Amino acid sequence: MPMPGLSSETVDAKSLLAANLEKPPSEQHLQSRMPNIKVFSGSSHPDLAQRIVDRLGIDLGKVVTKKFSNLETCVEIGESVRGEDVYIVQSGCGEINDNLMELLIMINACKIASASRVTAVIPCFPYARQDKKDKNGSSDKERHVEKWKSIEWKFRSRAPISAKLVANMLSVAGADHIITMDLHASQIQGFFDIPVDNLYAEPAVLKWIKENIVEWRNCIVVSPDAGGAKRVTSIADRLNVEFALIHKERKKANEVASMVLVGDVKDKVAILVDDMADTCGTICHAAEKLMEAGATKVYAILTHGIFSGPAISRINNACFEAVVVTNTIPQDGHMKDSTKVQCIDVSMMFAEAVRRTHNGESVSYLFSNQLLLDHFFIKIPLRLIRSFVCILRQNQELIFFYKFLLLYCLTGHNCVMTVRLLCCVLFCQRFSSVGQWFQEEGTSF
């Protein structure tokens, strides 16, 4: 019987509330680790969103997206976001226009539902290639839009700067912050009136090169165009190897460009590095040029593997040892169609950016420390390591082996870092955790 003054509906509501609050200990633990945060996924790349929340130790938020009969997009947020720090993961791939509209609607839905902050996590920023007008009036990277070759030059002066338009749309929808990776042009950050964190895939690329290319010390890093020279020189400096670039000369608008290689690749492993590849015509021609110049092997490493049209067919017929891309765009289908396509998981970088943003920490740490990836979340007190070392002292013959093995795992299989950390563990007392040592004493690979 309900108590006097309370209706049966009130009692049922209280019982339901109590039942909802009785969560399993595991769920309570996850929520306590990162309170007041919600991560939702759009329909473009749910796998990456799931990987991000798995690394954060939280559940993916409930959201339903559907289309009406007239193909209008409808979004329903399935849980309360009032006062929450909301992150929406949606990449600019697949049906780009529909996915962009879906992202805008999700941002606006969370904003009007009283979310305290809405961050759009856009691994591959849409319309990034339309970031400016070149000297002839067209948007940048005309090599990506082959049909424009047939348009008369006098009409091309009215090309749009669509990247600026997308930035305005995101801001008007209610986004408070943008997290993306390897923008095609860095000036796109200036199109926004809100903070933009442009992450770099370079640390993951360096890690892949050292783990998968045996002859990486005898390699040369190559840019397929002049625009990517800065990216290539940065990677070459970190690897302590030489770099080269390929310059395209176009005498007439409709004439196929001739490629000029600047640099010596003879008897070296050539690694082509670019931010994205669409139809893959440029990188495949570049690979042929490198082999003709005497390169022993050619790899291609790309942040965003769009691979539209004849891209996969061109890759299969090209002389690549491997074409490596990150998972800012879904790659499962491409990897099935070509054995040369390999994928680097960058979910740990986005997860750490989300965690640092949520906790009010500096995201710039991700730009200056390569030692990262799966080891961002290590918070093991060094005193526990010292205690473990003391226990092992009973067996003097194995002590050094166990110390080195333990620290080798903690530092991401990095021998130089392991030796440095081993010295700190044995002789220094001023670090409270491995994470603090990473930040203060960590060096590059």
Protein backbone atom coordinates (compact mmCIF):
# COMPACT_ATOMS: atom_id res chain seq x y z
CA MET A 1 0.00 0.00 0.00
CA PRO A 2 1.34 3.45 -0.84
CA MET A 3 1.98 5.85 1.99
CA PRO A 4 -0.62 8.58 2.68
CA GLY A 5 -0.07 11.61 0.48
CA LEU A 6 1.87 9.64 -2.15
CA SER A 7 0.31 8.24 -5.29
CA SER A 8 1.17 4.79 -6.59
CA GLU A 9 2.88 6.46 -9.58
CA THR A 10 5.24 8.32 -7.20
CA VAL A 11 6.13 5.13 -5.36
CA ASP A 12 6.75 3.30 -8.63
CA ALA A 13 8.95 6.15 -9.84
CA LYS A 14 11.01 6.05 -6.65
CA SER A 15 11.38 2.28 -6.92
CA LEU A 16 12.48 2.61 -10.53
CA LEU A 17 14.99 5.29 -9.60
CA ALA A 18 16.41 3.13 -6.82
CA ALA A 19 16.72 0.19 -9.20
CA ASN A 20 18.54 2.30 -11.77
CA LEU A 21 20.98 3.55 -9.15
CA GLU A 22 21.93 -0.01 -8.15
CA LYS A 23 24.54 -0.51 -10.83
CA PRO A 24 27.04 -3.36 -10.86
CA PRO A 25 30.37 -2.55 -9.17
CA SER A 26 32.14 -2.62 -12.53
CA GLU A 27 29.87 0.10 -13.94
CA GLN A 28 30.20 2.17 -10.80
CA HIS A 29 33.99 1.89 -11.10
CA LEU A 30 33.96 3.02 -14.72
CA GLN A 31 31.74 5.99 -13.99
CA SER A 32 33.86 7.02 -11.02
CA ARG A 33 36.99 7.09 -13.18
CA MET A 34 35.59 9.73 -15.56
CA PRO A 35 32.44 11.36 -14.17
CA ASN A 36 30.23 13.79 -16.11
CA ILE A 37 31.36 12.66 -19.54
CA LYS A 38 29.39 11.23 -22.44
CA VAL A 39 30.80 9.94 -25.73
CA PHE A 40 28.45 9.41 -28.65
CA SER A 41 29.11 7.96 -32.08
CA GLY A 42 27.70 8.99 -35.41
CA SER A 43 27.10 6.44 -38.13
CA SER A 44 30.31 7.11 -40.09
CA HIS A 45 32.83 5.26 -37.89
CA PRO A 46 31.30 3.43 -34.89
CA ASP A 47 34.30 1.10 -34.60
CA LEU A 48 36.70 3.96 -33.83
CA ALA A 49 34.26 5.44 -31.32
CA GLN A 50 34.00 2.08 -29.56
CA ARG A 51 37.78 1.76 -29.41
CA ILE A 52 38.02 5.24 -27.88
CA VAL A 53 35.52 4.54 -25.09
CA ASP A 54 37.11 1.14 -24.43
CA ARG A 55 40.42 2.89 -23.80
CA LEU A 56 38.72 5.48 -21.61
CA GLY A 57 36.94 2.77 -19.62
CA ILE A 58 33.44 4.14 -20.17
CA ASP A 59 30.35 3.09 -22.10
CA LEU A 60 29.36 4.50 -25.46
CA GLY A 61 26.35 6.80 -25.18
CA LYS A 62 22.98 5.76 -26.57
CA VAL A 63 21.90 7.51 -29.74
CA VAL A 64 19.50 6.55 -32.52
CA THR A 65 19.92 7.91 -36.05
CA LYS A 66 17.39 7.29 -38.77
CA LYS A 67 16.05 8.79 -41.98
CA PHE A 68 12.54 9.79 -42.87
CA SER A 69 10.96 8.74 -46.15
CA ASN A 70 12.15 11.98 -47.76
CA LEU A 71 15.73 11.16 -46.59
CA GLU A 72 15.83 13.82 -43.87
CA THR A 73 18.11 12.82 -40.99
CA CYS A 74 16.62 12.34 -37.54
CA VAL A 75 18.70 11.95 -34.37
CA GLU A 76 17.47 10.95 -30.92
CA ILE A 77 19.84 11.14 -27.93
CA GLY A 78 18.95 8.17 -25.75
CA GLU A 79 20.15 9.46 -22.38
CA SER A 80 20.41 12.65 -20.38
CA VAL A 81 23.29 14.98 -21.20
CA ARG A 82 22.33 17.82 -18.86
CA GLY A 83 25.50 19.28 -17.38
CA GLU A 84 27.65 16.64 -19.10
CA ASP A 85 30.87 17.03 -21.07
CA VAL A 86 29.80 15.57 -24.42
CA TYR A 87 32.07 14.21 -27.17
CA ILE A 88 30.64 13.23 -30.56
CA VAL A 89 32.80 11.04 -32.83
CA GLN A 90 32.02 11.45 -36.53
CA SER A 91 34.55 11.18 -39.34
CA GLY A 92 34.32 12.87 -42.73
CA CYS A 93 34.07 9.75 -44.85
CA GLY A 94 31.56 7.59 -46.66
CA GLU A 95 28.43 9.59 -47.46
CA ILE A 96 30.13 12.80 -46.39
CA ASN A 97 27.22 15.18 -46.82
CA ASP A 98 24.80 12.98 -44.86
CA ASN A 99 27.37 12.33 -42.15
CA LEU A 100 28.17 16.02 -41.82
CA MET A 101 24.50 16.88 -41.45
CA GLU A 102 24.10 14.10 -38.90
CA LEU A 103 27.00 15.52 -36.89
CA LEU A 104 25.50 19.01 -36.93
CA ILE A 105 22.13 17.69 -35.74
CA MET A 106 23.76 15.65 -32.95
CA ILE A 107 25.74 18.68 -31.77
CA ASN A 108 22.63 20.84 -31.73
CA ALA A 109 20.55 18.14 -30.00
CA CYS A 110 23.09 17.88 -27.17
CA LYS A 111 23.45 21.65 -26.91
CA ILE A 112 19.73 22.33 -26.52
CA ALA A 113 19.56 19.43 -24.05
CA SER A 114 21.75 21.52 -21.70
CA ALA A 115 25.10 19.80 -22.19
CA SER A 116 27.78 21.85 -20.47
CA ARG A 117 30.19 21.45 -23.40
CA VAL A 118 30.00 19.73 -26.77
CA THR A 119 33.20 18.62 -28.51
CA ALA A 120 33.16 17.31 -32.06
CA VAL A 121 35.80 14.61 -32.58
CA ILE A 122 36.31 14.59 -36.35
CA PRO A 123 39.24 12.27 -37.21
CA CYS A 124 39.09 13.15 -40.91
CA PHE A 125 37.87 16.70 -41.43
CA PRO A 126 35.41 16.98 -44.35
CA TYR A 127 35.98 19.44 -47.20
CA ALA A 128 39.53 20.04 -45.94
CA ARG A 129 40.91 20.15 -49.49
CA GLN A 130 38.78 23.18 -50.31
CA ASP A 131 40.71 25.45 -47.98
CA LYS A 132 41.80 28.26 -50.32
CA LYS A 133 41.90 29.55 -53.86
CA ASP A 134 45.14 29.05 -55.73
CA LYS A 135 46.73 31.52 -58.10
CA ASN A 136 44.51 30.25 -60.92
CA GLY A 137 41.42 30.50 -58.79
CA SER A 138 40.76 26.85 -57.98
CA SER A 139 40.62 25.20 -54.60
CA ASP A 140 43.83 23.61 -53.34
CA LYS A 141 44.96 20.16 -54.46
CA GLU A 142 43.48 20.11 -57.94
CA ARG A 143 44.94 16.65 -58.37
CA HIS A 144 42.06 15.34 -56.27
CA VAL A 145 39.34 16.73 -58.56
CA GLU A 146 40.17 15.51 -62.02
CA LYS A 147 36.93 16.69 -63.61
CA TRP A 148 37.95 20.33 -63.00
CA LYS A 149 40.65 19.93 -65.64
CA SER A 150 38.03 20.34 -68.35
CA ILE A 151 36.61 23.58 -66.94
CA GLU A 152 37.87 26.79 -68.46
CA TRP A 153 40.25 28.75 -66.24
CA LYS A 154 38.15 31.92 -66.37
CA PHE A 155 35.29 30.18 -64.56
CA ARG A 156 37.46 28.63 -61.86
CA SER A 157 37.99 31.93 -60.03
CA ARG A 158 34.63 31.41 -58.34
CA ALA A 159 35.67 28.25 -56.47
CA PRO A 160 34.35 28.13 -52.89
CA ILE A 161 36.35 27.89 -49.68
CA SER A 162 34.14 25.13 -48.32
CA ALA A 163 36.34 24.33 -45.31
CA LYS A 164 35.49 27.77 -43.90
CA LEU A 165 31.79 27.10 -44.49
CA VAL A 166 32.00 23.79 -42.59
CA ALA A 167 33.77 25.56 -39.72
CA ASN A 168 30.96 28.11 -39.54
CA MET A 169 28.31 25.39 -39.60
CA LEU A 170 29.92 23.52 -36.71
CA SER A 171 30.12 26.68 -34.62
CA VAL A 172 26.53 27.68 -35.34
CA ALA A 173 25.30 24.16 -34.51
CA GLY A 174 26.75 24.60 -31.02
CA ALA A 175 30.18 22.95 -31.00
CA ASP A 176 32.45 24.34 -28.28
CA HIS A 177 35.62 22.50 -29.28
CA ILE A 178 36.98 20.51 -32.22
CA ILE A 179 39.42 17.58 -32.11
CA THR A 180 40.75 16.35 -35.44
CA MET A 181 43.88 14.78 -36.93
CA ASP A 182 46.34 15.90 -39.61
CA LEU A 183 44.35 18.68 -41.18
CA HIS A 184 45.07 18.95 -44.88
CA ALA A 185 46.02 22.59 -44.34
CA SER A 186 46.91 24.01 -40.94
CA GLN A 187 45.22 27.33 -41.72
CA ILE A 188 41.85 25.61 -41.34
CA GLN A 189 42.30 26.01 -37.58
CA GLY A 190 42.05 29.75 -38.15
CA PHE A 191 38.63 29.35 -39.77
CA PHE A 192 37.14 28.62 -36.34
CA ASP A 193 36.19 30.97 -33.51
CA ILE A 194 36.35 28.03 -31.09
CA PRO A 195 39.37 25.96 -29.91
CA VAL A 196 40.69 23.39 -32.38
CA ASP A 197 43.13 20.63 -31.42
CA ASN A 198 44.82 19.20 -34.50
CA LEU A 199 46.46 15.92 -33.48
CA TYR A 200 49.33 14.43 -35.48
CA ALA A 201 49.68 10.83 -36.60
CA GLU A 202 53.47 11.19 -36.71
CA PRO A 203 54.19 9.32 -33.42
CA ALA A 204 52.14 6.34 -34.59
CA VAL A 205 53.85 6.47 -37.99
CA LEU A 206 57.30 6.47 -36.41
CA LYS A 207 56.36 3.52 -34.24
CA TRP A 208 55.08 1.54 -37.23
CA ILE A 209 58.19 2.26 -39.30
CA LYS A 210 60.57 1.07 -36.59
CA GLU A 211 58.55 -2.05 -35.85
CA ASN A 212 57.77 -3.16 -39.41
CA ILE A 213 60.55 -1.93 -41.73
CA VAL A 214 63.73 -3.82 -40.92
CA GLU A 215 65.89 -1.55 -43.08
CA TRP A 216 64.44 1.69 -41.71
CA ARG A 217 67.94 3.03 -40.93
CA ASN A 218 68.68 2.87 -44.66
CA CYS A 219 65.45 4.53 -45.73
CA ILE A 220 64.60 7.89 -47.24
CA VAL A 221 61.33 9.68 -46.53
CA VAL A 222 59.69 11.15 -49.62
CA SER A 223 56.93 13.71 -50.07
CA PRO A 224 54.79 13.20 -53.21
CA ASP A 225 54.37 16.98 -53.54
CA ALA A 226 55.91 20.20 -52.29
CA GLY A 227 53.02 20.84 -49.91
CA GLY A 228 53.97 17.89 -47.71
CA ALA A 229 57.64 18.82 -47.33
CA LYS A 230 57.26 20.03 -43.75
CA ARG A 231 55.61 16.79 -42.67
CA VAL A 232 58.26 14.67 -44.35
CA THR A 233 61.22 16.61 -42.96
CA SER A 234 59.84 16.24 -39.43
CA ILE A 235 59.63 12.46 -39.76
CA ALA A 236 63.06 12.28 -41.42
CA ASP A 237 64.59 14.27 -38.56
CA ARG A 238 63.07 11.93 -35.97
CA LEU A 239 64.40 8.90 -37.82
CA ASN A 240 67.73 10.62 -38.51
CA VAL A 241 67.52 9.80 -42.23
CA GLU A 242 67.45 11.82 -45.45
CA PHE A 243 64.37 13.12 -47.20
CA ALA A 244 63.34 13.81 -50.78
CA LEU A 245 60.36 15.27 -52.59
CA ILE A 246 58.67 14.93 -55.93
CA HIS A 247 57.81 18.12 -57.78
CA LYS A 248 55.09 18.09 -60.40
CA GLU A 249 55.46 20.34 -63.43
CA ARG A 250 52.33 21.19 -65.37
CA LYS A 251 52.82 23.31 -68.51
CA LYS A 252 49.17 23.38 -69.57
CA ALA A 253 45.92 22.95 -67.71
CA ASN A 254 44.88 19.73 -69.46
CA GLU A 255 48.35 18.26 -69.77
CA VAL A 256 49.50 15.41 -67.55
CA ALA A 257 52.07 16.59 -65.03
CA SER A 258 55.66 15.47 -65.29
CA MET A 259 57.33 14.43 -62.05
CA VAL A 260 60.77 15.60 -61.02
CA LEU A 261 62.46 13.77 -58.14
CA VAL A 262 64.56 15.98 -55.88
CA GLY A 263 66.87 13.74 -53.85
CA ASP A 264 68.87 10.52 -54.16
CA VAL A 265 66.92 7.31 -53.49
CA LYS A 266 69.31 4.85 -55.14
CA ASP A 267 69.71 1.61 -53.13
CA LYS A 268 67.44 2.92 -50.36
CA VAL A 269 64.02 2.02 -49.00
CA ALA A 270 61.67 4.84 -50.00
CA ILE A 271 58.80 5.77 -47.69
CA LEU A 272 56.17 8.00 -49.28
CA VAL A 273 54.36 10.04 -46.63
CA ASP A 274 51.23 12.13 -47.22
CA ASP A 275 48.20 13.27 -45.26
CA MET A 276 45.65 11.60 -47.53
CA ALA A 277 45.14 9.64 -50.72
CA ASP A 278 41.90 9.55 -52.68
CA THR A 279 42.16 7.93 -56.10
CA CYS A 280 45.87 7.17 -55.47
CA GLY A 281 47.01 8.33 -58.90
CA THR A 282 49.72 10.60 -57.51
CA ILE A 283 51.27 8.15 -55.05
CA CYS A 284 51.22 5.30 -57.59
CA HIS A 285 53.02 7.42 -60.19
CA ALA A 286 55.41 8.56 -57.48
CA ALA A 287 56.16 4.94 -56.57
CA GLU A 288 57.01 4.16 -60.20
CA LYS A 289 59.30 7.19 -60.31
CA LEU A 290 61.10 6.07 -57.15
CA MET A 291 61.66 2.54 -58.45
CA GLU A 292 62.99 3.94 -61.73
CA ALA A 293 65.40 6.09 -59.69
CA GLY A 294 66.86 3.00 -57.99
CA ALA A 295 64.87 2.56 -54.78
CA THR A 296 64.94 -1.01 -53.48
CA LYS A 297 61.45 -0.91 -51.93
CA VAL A 298 58.62 1.60 -51.73
CA TYR A 299 56.17 2.04 -48.86
CA ALA A 300 53.34 4.55 -48.65
CA ILE A 301 52.13 5.87 -45.29
CA LEU A 302 48.98 7.98 -45.24
CA THR A 303 46.92 9.43 -42.42
CA HIS A 304 43.60 9.38 -44.25
CA GLY A 305 43.07 6.56 -46.74
CA ILE A 306 39.96 7.61 -48.68
CA PHE A 307 40.57 5.15 -51.54
CA SER A 308 37.70 6.05 -53.85
CA GLY A 309 37.18 5.05 -57.47
CA PRO A 310 40.09 3.07 -58.95
CA ALA A 311 42.31 3.50 -55.87
CA ILE A 312 42.41 -0.14 -54.73
CA SER A 313 43.00 -1.40 -58.26
CA ARG A 314 45.88 1.04 -58.67
CA ILE A 315 47.40 -0.02 -55.35
CA ASN A 316 47.22 -3.70 -56.29
CA ASN A 317 48.97 -3.02 -59.60
CA ALA A 318 51.57 -0.65 -58.15
CA CYS A 319 55.02 -1.57 -56.84
CA PHE A 320 54.28 -0.92 -53.15
CA GLU A 321 55.50 -3.24 -50.45
CA ALA A 322 52.66 -1.89 -48.29
CA VAL A 323 50.26 1.04 -48.17
CA VAL A 324 49.79 1.97 -44.53
CA VAL A 325 46.89 4.12 -43.34
CA THR A 326 45.39 5.04 -39.99
CA ASN A 327 41.85 4.18 -38.96
CA THR A 328 40.55 7.75 -39.08
CA ILE A 329 38.47 6.25 -41.90
CA PRO A 330 37.10 2.67 -41.80
CA GLN A 331 39.55 0.39 -43.62
CA ASP A 332 38.13 -3.12 -43.19
CA GLY A 333 36.72 -3.22 -46.71
CA HIS A 334 39.89 -1.84 -48.25
CA MET A 335 42.04 -4.37 -46.40
CA LYS A 336 39.89 -7.20 -47.73
CA ASP A 337 40.22 -5.92 -51.29
CA SER A 338 44.00 -5.46 -51.10
CA THR A 339 46.60 -7.37 -49.13
CA LYS A 340 48.94 -4.38 -49.43
CA VAL A 341 46.72 -2.12 -47.31
CA GLN A 342 47.63 -2.12 -43.61
CA CYS A 343 46.10 -0.09 -40.80
CA ILE A 344 47.49 1.77 -37.77
CA ASP A 345 45.13 2.21 -34.83
CA VAL A 346 45.12 5.83 -33.58
CA SER A 347 42.24 5.45 -31.13
CA MET A 348 44.66 5.78 -28.22
CA MET A 349 45.61 9.28 -29.35
CA PHE A 350 42.01 10.41 -29.57
CA ALA A 351 41.22 8.76 -26.24
CA GLU A 352 44.07 10.59 -24.55
CA ALA A 353 43.03 13.88 -26.15
CA VAL A 354 39.49 13.36 -24.83
CA ARG A 355 40.76 12.43 -21.37
CA ARG A 356 43.06 15.44 -21.16
CA THR A 357 40.41 17.81 -22.45
CA HIS A 358 37.86 16.49 -19.96
CA ASN A 359 40.29 16.80 -17.05
CA GLY A 360 41.50 20.24 -18.08
CA GLU A 361 45.02 19.02 -18.88
CA SER A 362 47.28 20.19 -21.67
CA VAL A 363 46.74 18.46 -25.00
CA SER A 364 50.03 19.85 -26.31
CA TYR A 365 51.75 17.02 -24.44
CA LEU A 366 50.65 14.80 -27.33
CA PHE A 367 52.55 16.99 -29.79
CA SER A 368 55.92 16.91 -28.02
CA ASN A 369 56.14 13.36 -26.66
CA GLN A 370 56.41 10.34 -28.95
CA LEU A 371 56.61 7.88 -26.16
CA LEU A 372 52.80 7.71 -25.86
CA LEU A 373 50.32 5.46 -27.56
CA ASP A 374 49.18 2.58 -25.37
CA HIS A 375 51.27 3.82 -22.43
CA PHE A 376 49.51 7.11 -21.78
CA PHE A 377 47.48 5.63 -19.00
CA ILE A 378 50.35 4.13 -17.01
CA LYS A 379 50.22 5.43 -13.44
CA ILE A 380 52.27 2.76 -11.69
CA PRO A 381 54.07 4.17 -8.63
CA LEU A 382 57.81 3.74 -8.87
CA ARG A 383 57.92 2.65 -5.23
CA LEU A 384 56.07 -0.52 -6.26
CA ILE A 385 58.71 -1.19 -8.90
CA ARG A 386 61.43 -0.66 -6.31
CA SER A 387 59.66 -3.09 -3.95
CA PHE A 388 59.50 -5.65 -6.73
CA VAL A 389 63.21 -5.17 -7.38
CA CYS A 390 63.98 -5.72 -3.69
CA ILE A 391 62.12 -9.03 -3.74
CA LEU A 392 64.10 -10.17 -6.75
CA ARG A 393 67.41 -9.46 -5.02
CA GLN A 394 67.19 -12.96 -3.55
CA ASN A 395 68.23 -14.25 -6.95
CA GLN A 396 71.15 -12.09 -8.06
CA GLU A 397 71.53 -13.86 -11.39
CA LEU A 398 68.03 -12.91 -12.59
CA ILE A 399 67.66 -9.48 -11.01
CA PHE A 400 68.91 -7.43 -13.95
CA PHE A 401 66.96 -9.51 -16.45
CA TYR A 402 63.68 -9.00 -14.57
CA LYS A 403 64.31 -5.28 -14.07
CA PHE A 404 65.03 -4.75 -17.71
CA LEU A 405 62.08 -6.89 -18.86
CA LEU A 406 59.62 -5.06 -16.62
CA LEU A 407 60.75 -1.60 -17.65
CA TYR A 408 60.99 -2.66 -21.29
CA CYS A 409 57.26 -3.41 -21.21
CA LEU A 410 56.42 -0.20 -19.35
CA THR A 411 58.21 1.99 -21.89
CA GLY A 412 56.62 0.49 -24.98
CA HIS A 413 59.46 -1.84 -26.02
CA ASN A 414 61.95 1.02 -26.21
CA CYS A 415 65.45 -0.06 -25.19
CA VAL A 416 66.92 3.45 -24.82
CA MET A 417 63.97 4.60 -22.73
CA THR A 418 64.22 1.42 -20.65
CA VAL A 419 67.86 2.06 -19.73
CA ARG A 420 67.11 5.67 -18.77
CA LEU A 421 64.11 4.70 -16.66
CA LEU A 422 66.06 1.89 -15.01
CA CYS A 423 68.64 4.41 -13.84
CA CYS A 424 65.90 6.64 -12.45
CA VAL A 425 64.26 3.76 -10.60
CA LEU A 426 67.51 2.68 -8.99
CA PHE A 427 69.08 6.04 -8.20
CA CYS A 428 66.36 8.72 -8.15
CA GLN A 429 63.64 9.30 -5.61
CA ARG A 430 62.02 12.47 -6.87
CA PHE A 431 59.52 10.86 -9.28
CA SER A 432 56.22 9.64 -7.83
CA SER A 433 55.04 7.73 -10.88
CA VAL A 434 56.12 6.44 -14.25
CA GLY A 435 53.78 8.96 -15.84
CA GLN A 436 55.58 11.83 -14.12
CA TRP A 437 58.93 10.48 -15.30
CA PHE A 438 57.56 10.27 -18.87
CA GLN A 439 56.59 13.93 -18.73
CA GLU A 440 59.76 15.29 -17.12
CA GLU A 441 62.49 13.00 -18.38
CA GLY A 442 61.01 11.17 -21.38
CA THR A 443 62.82 11.49 -24.68
CA SER A 444 61.97 10.53 -28.24
CA PHE A 445 62.54 7.09 -29.71
